[in-house]
């Protein structure tokens, strides 16, 4: 998960993060920003490290009547040291409370901050609600979610944090890419489309999701090599003639330790990352979550662990939909055009 809270002053951003971390007993690294007082008067702010350091806090600003004056070099020195030590703890939640405007000229710190956010698996922070060009990348990165407490309640924000944490650390994804492409007359997934191969479009979209693991199930050596190039796990389906059910079984077994598995077809080039996020956000322990267009249940589909046994018992060309239809579902409505799949060469005209 990579989530930042924003909103007006004193609305509860830091309290929401602290409540989330304490309720879920999550180990942390990173830093928090605290006020400094002398004789009952606020004199500035300090960065308090959430990692073991010789001195765990450092004052970085001096309070004047109408503004805060930054102390040069504190972010580039102490801040970089905190981030470096935090990146040595990949299993901890990286807390960045807060990202503001005073650090705008601390170039080494800003570069390391960006690296830490991109490389750390779990990140939660506070983003000051004030325009600052050096923070624009946070607003436009598709892997980062911004929650505005001026628009949602404290309880809603807390729930969003907990669901994002659960999905990131408990949900896996299977990309189904083992079909024979008989009607296409060749491996359609390797067809060049919109600047890359069709399979790569899906890999890119899935790669932007907060997932604990991704597995591609395929019979094709070329796709296996693509997975290796991207550092993406795969399972080779040596018996594709057993039908779609066998690919589902292989994928489910590969991600058996997950709390949920999202199944995505590799030949839906118009599928939106936003739709996949919506499916993840609707997940719980008891419902199948699926896309729905025109009242018809379709892929992608997400299954909680309670249904894994049924998925591995499928045989022949029966897909996951046959399991979904036996149970209560949450349906995510989308435009029918988004879920079109690619079967024949002439279908390319629908997408290009």
Protein backbone atom coordinates (compact mmCIF):
# COMPACT_ATOMS: atom_id res chain seq x y z
CA UNK A 1 0.00 0.00 0.00
CA UNK A 2 1.08 3.55 -0.69
CA UNK A 3 -1.43 5.95 0.87
CA UNK A 4 -1.18 9.58 1.94
CA UNK A 5 -3.73 11.52 3.97
CA UNK A 6 -4.29 15.20 3.34
CA UNK A 7 -6.73 17.82 4.58
CA UNK A 8 -6.93 20.99 6.62
CA UNK A 9 -4.98 21.49 9.86
CA UNK A 10 -6.07 19.64 12.99
CA UNK A 11 -8.54 17.42 11.12
CA UNK A 12 -6.99 14.19 12.42
CA UNK A 13 -4.60 12.99 9.72
CA UNK A 14 -1.80 11.89 12.05
CA UNK A 15 -4.27 10.52 14.59
CA UNK A 16 -5.91 8.42 11.87
CA UNK A 17 -2.56 6.94 10.85
CA UNK A 18 -1.55 6.30 14.46
CA UNK A 19 -4.89 4.57 15.18
CA UNK A 20 -4.51 2.41 12.07
CA UNK A 21 -0.96 1.36 12.99
CA UNK A 22 -1.81 0.61 16.64
CA UNK A 23 -4.99 -1.34 15.84
CA UNK A 24 -3.15 -3.55 13.38
CA UNK A 25 0.08 -3.84 15.41
CA UNK A 26 2.20 -2.89 12.40
CA UNK A 27 5.96 -2.39 12.88
CA UNK A 28 7.07 1.01 11.61
CA UNK A 29 10.03 2.97 10.34
CA UNK A 30 10.33 6.48 8.91
CA UNK A 31 9.55 9.64 10.86
CA UNK A 32 6.90 11.85 12.36
CA UNK A 33 6.87 15.64 12.69
CA UNK A 34 6.36 17.06 16.18
CA UNK A 35 6.07 20.62 17.51
CA UNK A 36 8.82 21.97 19.78
CA UNK A 37 7.79 24.07 22.79
CA UNK A 38 9.67 26.34 25.18
CA UNK A 39 7.89 27.90 28.15
CA UNK A 40 4.54 26.91 26.71
CA UNK A 41 5.23 28.59 23.36
CA UNK A 42 5.79 26.74 20.11
CA UNK A 43 9.25 27.53 18.83
CA UNK A 44 9.46 25.25 15.79
CA UNK A 45 9.16 21.69 14.55
CA UNK A 46 11.35 18.63 14.76
CA UNK A 47 11.66 15.38 12.83
CA UNK A 48 11.44 12.38 15.14
CA UNK A 49 12.94 9.20 13.74
CA UNK A 50 11.00 5.93 14.02
CA UNK A 51 14.21 3.94 13.61
CA UNK A 52 17.10 3.35 16.01
CA UNK A 53 19.53 6.27 15.82
CA UNK A 54 22.04 7.90 18.15
CA UNK A 55 19.80 10.95 18.37
CA UNK A 56 16.25 10.22 17.32
CA UNK A 57 15.02 13.76 16.71
CA UNK A 58 16.28 16.94 15.10
CA UNK A 59 14.76 20.45 15.00
CA UNK A 60 14.35 21.57 11.40
CA UNK A 61 12.46 24.87 11.68
CA UNK A 62 12.21 28.00 13.82
CA UNK A 63 8.80 29.52 14.46
CA UNK A 64 8.35 33.24 13.79
CA UNK A 65 5.17 35.24 14.23
CA UNK A 66 3.80 34.57 10.76
CA UNK A 67 6.02 31.86 9.26
CA UNK A 68 8.39 28.96 9.88
CA UNK A 69 12.05 29.39 8.94
CA UNK A 70 13.72 26.17 7.81
CA UNK A 71 17.13 25.28 9.24
CA UNK A 72 19.22 24.47 6.14
CA UNK A 73 20.71 21.01 5.79
CA UNK A 74 18.65 19.17 8.41
CA UNK A 75 16.57 17.30 5.82
CA UNK A 76 19.58 16.56 3.62
CA UNK A 77 21.57 15.33 6.62
CA UNK A 78 19.34 13.88 9.32
CA UNK A 79 16.35 13.25 7.03
CA UNK A 80 18.43 11.24 4.56
CA UNK A 81 19.89 9.17 7.37
CA UNK A 82 16.40 8.35 8.66
CA UNK A 83 15.24 7.33 5.17
CA UNK A 84 18.35 5.24 4.53
CA UNK A 85 17.87 3.31 7.76
CA UNK A 86 14.17 2.91 6.98
CA UNK A 87 14.90 1.38 3.57
CA UNK A 88 16.91 -1.29 5.39
CA UNK A 89 13.62 -2.39 7.01
CA UNK A 90 11.48 -3.50 4.03
CA UNK A 91 9.11 -5.48 6.26
CA UNK A 92 8.10 -2.36 8.22
CA UNK A 93 5.51 0.26 7.33
CA UNK A 94 7.30 3.41 6.12
CA UNK A 95 5.66 6.34 7.91
CA UNK A 96 6.19 9.80 6.36
CA UNK A 97 4.41 12.27 8.62
CA UNK A 98 4.52 14.79 7.10
CA UNK A 99 5.53 15.80 3.58
CA UNK A 100 5.29 19.56 3.38
CA UNK A 101 6.83 22.70 1.87
CA UNK A 102 9.82 23.52 4.10
CA UNK A 103 11.98 20.82 2.52
CA UNK A 104 11.59 22.21 -1.01
CA UNK A 105 15.29 23.14 -1.39
CA UNK A 106 16.73 19.99 0.22
CA UNK A 107 17.51 18.17 -3.04
CA UNK A 108 19.28 15.10 -1.63
CA UNK A 109 16.41 14.50 0.79
CA UNK A 110 13.75 14.91 -1.91
CA UNK A 111 15.54 12.43 -4.18
CA UNK A 112 15.86 9.86 -1.39
CA UNK A 113 12.24 10.43 -0.34
CA UNK A 114 11.06 9.60 -3.85
CA UNK A 115 13.28 6.49 -3.93
CA UNK A 116 11.96 5.33 -0.55
CA UNK A 117 8.31 5.71 -1.58
CA UNK A 118 8.86 3.84 -4.83
CA UNK A 119 10.89 0.97 -3.36
CA UNK A 120 9.15 0.38 -0.02
CA UNK A 121 6.24 -2.04 -0.14
CA UNK A 122 4.04 -0.33 2.47
CA UNK A 123 3.98 3.45 2.83
CA UNK A 124 1.60 5.70 4.75
CA UNK A 125 2.02 9.41 5.23
CA UNK A 126 0.60 12.89 5.62
CA UNK A 127 0.77 15.27 2.68
CA UNK A 128 0.38 18.94 3.52
CA UNK A 129 -2.59 20.41 1.69
CA UNK A 130 -0.69 23.21 0.01
CA UNK A 131 0.48 23.46 -3.58
CA UNK A 132 4.16 22.65 -3.86
CA UNK A 133 5.82 21.78 -7.17
CA UNK A 134 8.32 19.43 -5.52
CA UNK A 135 5.43 17.26 -4.32
CA UNK A 136 3.52 17.04 -7.63
CA UNK A 137 4.84 13.55 -8.34
CA UNK A 138 2.92 12.24 -5.32
CA UNK A 139 -0.35 13.46 -6.83
CA UNK A 140 0.24 11.88 -10.22
CA UNK A 141 1.81 8.53 -9.38
CA UNK A 142 -0.80 5.81 -10.19
CA UNK A 143 0.50 3.59 -7.36
CA UNK A 144 -0.18 6.26 -4.72
CA UNK A 145 -3.60 6.89 -3.25
CA UNK A 146 -4.48 10.26 -1.73
CA UNK A 147 -7.26 10.36 0.87
CA UNK A 148 -8.62 13.84 1.63
CA UNK A 149 -10.10 14.14 5.12
CA UNK A 150 -11.93 17.25 3.98
CA UNK A 151 -13.98 14.92 1.77
CA UNK A 152 -14.27 11.72 3.85
CA UNK A 153 -14.81 11.16 7.55
CA UNK A 154 -12.18 9.96 10.01
CA UNK A 155 -13.91 6.56 10.21
CA UNK A 156 -14.09 6.25 6.43
CA UNK A 157 -10.41 7.15 6.07
CA UNK A 158 -9.47 4.61 8.73
CA UNK A 159 -11.46 1.93 6.90
CA UNK A 160 -9.75 2.79 3.60
CA UNK A 161 -6.33 2.47 5.24
CA UNK A 162 -7.18 -0.91 6.73
CA UNK A 163 -8.60 -2.27 3.47
CA UNK A 164 -5.58 -1.07 1.53
CA UNK A 165 -3.30 -2.76 4.08
CA UNK A 166 -5.27 -5.99 3.85
CA UNK A 167 -5.29 -6.03 0.05
CA UNK A 168 -1.58 -5.27 -0.26
CA UNK A 169 -0.52 -7.94 2.15
CA UNK A 170 -3.13 -10.62 1.54
CA UNK A 171 -4.32 -10.45 -2.10
CA UNK A 172 -2.61 -12.15 -5.02
CA UNK A 173 -3.35 -12.01 -8.73
CA UNK A 174 -3.36 -14.73 -11.39
CA UNK A 175 -2.98 -13.60 -15.00
CA UNK A 176 -4.47 -16.31 -17.20
CA UNK A 177 -2.35 -16.53 -20.35
CA UNK A 178 -2.38 -20.19 -21.41
CA UNK A 179 -5.07 -20.28 -24.10
CA UNK A 180 -4.37 -21.83 -27.50
CA UNK A 181 -5.41 -18.73 -29.52
CA UNK A 182 -6.80 -21.10 -32.14
CA UNK A 183 -9.19 -18.55 -33.67
CA UNK A 184 -6.48 -15.90 -33.84
CA UNK A 185 -4.10 -18.05 -35.86
CA UNK A 186 -1.11 -17.45 -33.60
CA UNK A 187 -0.27 -16.31 -30.08
CA UNK A 188 -2.48 -13.23 -29.76
CA UNK A 189 -0.89 -12.22 -26.47
CA UNK A 190 2.40 -11.47 -28.26
CA UNK A 191 0.71 -9.27 -30.87
CA UNK A 192 2.07 -5.71 -30.87
CA UNK A 193 -0.59 -3.31 -29.64
CA UNK A 194 -0.44 0.27 -28.38
CA UNK A 195 3.32 0.34 -28.01
CA UNK A 196 3.81 -3.13 -26.58
CA UNK A 197 2.60 -6.70 -26.59
CA UNK A 198 -0.97 -7.35 -25.44
CA UNK A 199 0.23 -9.45 -22.49
CA UNK A 200 2.46 -6.54 -21.42
CA UNK A 201 -0.53 -4.19 -21.23
CA UNK A 202 -2.12 -6.44 -18.62
CA UNK A 203 1.20 -6.96 -16.81
CA UNK A 204 1.62 -3.19 -16.54
CA UNK A 205 -1.89 -2.65 -15.20
CA UNK A 206 -1.64 -5.46 -12.65
CA UNK A 207 1.81 -4.19 -11.66
CA UNK A 208 0.24 -0.93 -10.46
CA UNK A 209 -2.02 -2.72 -7.98
CA UNK A 210 -1.32 -3.13 -4.25
CA UNK A 211 -0.83 -6.92 -4.29
CA UNK A 212 1.13 -9.43 -2.26
CA UNK A 213 1.99 -11.51 -5.32
CA UNK A 214 1.35 -11.98 -9.03
CA UNK A 215 1.57 -15.23 -11.01
CA UNK A 216 1.23 -15.61 -14.77
CA UNK A 217 -0.06 -19.03 -15.90
CA UNK A 218 1.02 -19.76 -19.46
CA UNK A 219 2.02 -22.52 -21.86
CA UNK A 220 4.28 -20.24 -23.90
CA UNK A 221 8.04 -19.98 -23.52
CA UNK A 222 8.05 -16.44 -24.92
CA UNK A 223 5.71 -15.29 -22.17
CA UNK A 224 7.82 -17.08 -19.55
CA UNK A 225 10.82 -15.11 -20.79
CA UNK A 226 8.86 -11.85 -20.59
CA UNK A 227 8.01 -12.69 -16.99
CA UNK A 228 11.67 -13.35 -16.21
CA UNK A 229 12.66 -10.01 -17.74
CA UNK A 230 10.13 -8.24 -15.54
CA UNK A 231 10.84 -10.23 -12.38
CA UNK A 232 7.29 -11.57 -12.42
CA UNK A 233 6.52 -15.08 -11.23
CA UNK A 234 4.99 -17.59 -13.61
CA UNK A 235 3.73 -21.18 -13.70
CA UNK A 236 4.19 -23.17 -16.90
CA UNK A 237 1.02 -24.97 -17.93
CA UNK A 238 2.35 -28.11 -19.60
CA UNK A 239 -1.14 -29.49 -20.22
CA UNK A 240 -3.25 -26.66 -21.71
CA UNK A 241 -5.56 -29.21 -23.35
CA UNK A 242 -7.00 -29.86 -19.89
CA UNK A 243 -8.84 -26.58 -20.36
CA UNK A 244 -9.17 -23.30 -18.51
CA UNK A 245 -9.87 -25.08 -15.24
CA UNK A 246 -6.33 -26.44 -15.13
CA UNK A 247 -4.82 -22.96 -15.43
CA UNK A 248 -7.12 -21.77 -12.62
CA UNK A 249 -6.00 -24.70 -10.49
CA UNK A 250 -2.31 -23.98 -11.10
CA UNK A 251 -2.73 -20.30 -10.28
CA UNK A 252 -4.76 -20.96 -7.16
CA UNK A 253 -2.24 -23.46 -5.84
CA UNK A 254 0.61 -21.03 -6.49
CA UNK A 255 -1.10 -18.34 -4.37
CA UNK A 256 -2.72 -20.63 -1.80
CA UNK A 257 -1.41 -18.61 1.17
CA UNK A 258 -3.19 -15.43 0.04
CA UNK A 259 -6.45 -14.24 1.57
CA UNK A 260 -7.90 -13.41 -1.84
CA UNK A 261 -7.00 -14.15 -5.45
CA UNK A 262 -7.86 -11.84 -8.33
CA UNK A 263 -8.15 -13.61 -11.70
CA UNK A 264 -7.43 -11.48 -14.76
CA UNK A 265 -7.60 -12.51 -18.41
CA UNK A 266 -4.55 -11.56 -20.46
CA UNK A 267 -6.56 -10.65 -23.58
CA UNK A 268 -8.65 -7.70 -22.34
CA UNK A 269 -6.54 -4.74 -23.53
CA UNK A 270 -9.18 -2.11 -22.67
CA UNK A 271 -9.45 -3.20 -19.03
CA UNK A 272 -8.83 -0.20 -16.75
CA UNK A 273 -6.58 -0.17 -13.69
CA UNK A 274 -9.34 1.80 -11.96
CA UNK A 275 -11.71 -1.16 -12.37
CA UNK A 276 -9.18 -3.50 -10.81
CA UNK A 277 -8.79 -1.11 -7.85
CA UNK A 278 -12.57 -1.06 -7.41
CA UNK A 279 -12.69 -4.83 -7.33
CA UNK A 280 -9.94 -4.95 -4.70
CA UNK A 281 -11.67 -2.33 -2.55
CA UNK A 282 -14.90 -4.36 -2.53
CA UNK A 283 -13.16 -7.51 -1.25
CA UNK A 284 -14.18 -9.22 1.99
CA UNK A 285 -13.99 -12.72 3.44
CA UNK A 286 -17.32 -14.03 2.16
CA UNK A 287 -18.18 -12.60 -1.27
CA UNK A 288 -16.93 -13.19 -4.79
CA UNK A 289 -16.29 -9.82 -6.44
CA UNK A 290 -16.62 -9.60 -10.20
CA UNK A 291 -16.94 -7.17 -13.07
CA UNK A 292 -20.42 -6.82 -14.54
CA UNK A 293 -21.47 -5.31 -17.85
CA UNK A 294 -25.07 -5.21 -19.03
CA UNK A 295 -26.12 -7.44 -16.15
CA UNK A 296 -23.68 -10.17 -17.20
CA UNK A 297 -21.05 -11.45 -14.76
CA UNK A 298 -17.60 -11.36 -16.33
CA UNK A 299 -13.88 -11.34 -15.59
CA UNK A 300 -11.95 -10.05 -13.73
CA UNK A 301 -13.09 -11.92 -10.62
CA UNK A 302 -11.81 -11.99 -7.06
CA UNK A 303 -12.27 -14.98 -4.75
CA UNK A 304 -11.68 -15.13 -0.98
CA UNK A 305 -9.77 -18.11 0.40
CA UNK A 306 -13.06 -19.80 1.37
CA UNK A 307 -13.56 -20.64 -2.34
CA UNK A 308 -10.06 -21.91 -3.18
CA UNK A 309 -11.03 -25.56 -2.78
CA UNK A 310 -13.88 -25.17 -5.27
CA UNK A 311 -11.58 -23.46 -7.76
CA UNK A 312 -9.10 -26.35 -7.66
CA UNK A 313 -11.92 -28.87 -8.17
CA UNK A 314 -12.95 -27.39 -11.54
CA UNK A 315 -12.44 -29.61 -14.57
CA UNK A 316 -12.39 -29.13 -18.35
CA UNK A 317 -13.24 -25.75 -19.80
CA UNK A 318 -15.27 -24.64 -16.80
CA UNK A 319 -13.99 -21.28 -15.61
CA UNK A 320 -14.15 -19.45 -12.31
CA UNK A 321 -17.56 -18.00 -13.26
CA UNK A 322 -19.16 -21.41 -12.61
CA UNK A 323 -18.00 -21.14 -8.99
CA UNK A 324 -19.00 -17.49 -8.66
CA UNK A 325 -22.57 -18.12 -9.77
CA UNK A 326 -23.13 -20.54 -6.88
CA UNK A 327 -22.46 -17.86 -4.26
CA UNK A 328 -23.30 -14.31 -3.23
CA UNK A 329 -21.46 -11.81 -5.36
CA UNK A 330 -20.53 -8.17 -5.29
CA UNK A 331 -20.75 -6.83 -8.83
CA UNK A 332 -18.68 -3.92 -10.09
CA UNK A 333 -20.49 -2.24 -12.98
CA UNK A 334 -18.35 -1.25 -15.97
CA UNK A 335 -18.90 -0.38 -19.62
CA UNK A 336 -19.23 -3.45 -21.81
CA UNK A 337 -16.52 -2.19 -24.18
CA UNK A 338 -13.96 -2.32 -21.35
CA UNK A 339 -14.35 -6.09 -20.98
CA UNK A 340 -14.07 -7.03 -24.64
CA UNK A 341 -11.62 -9.84 -25.25
CA UNK A 342 -9.52 -10.49 -28.32
CA UNK A 343 -10.30 -13.74 -30.18
CA UNK A 344 -9.76 -13.10 -33.90
CA UNK A 345 -7.47 -10.80 -35.92
CA UNK A 346 -10.50 -8.81 -37.07
CA UNK A 347 -11.26 -8.03 -33.41
CA UNK A 348 -8.23 -5.72 -33.41
CA UNK A 349 -10.36 -3.12 -35.20
CA UNK A 350 -12.45 -2.78 -32.03
CA UNK A 351 -9.42 -1.72 -30.04
CA UNK A 352 -7.17 0.18 -32.44
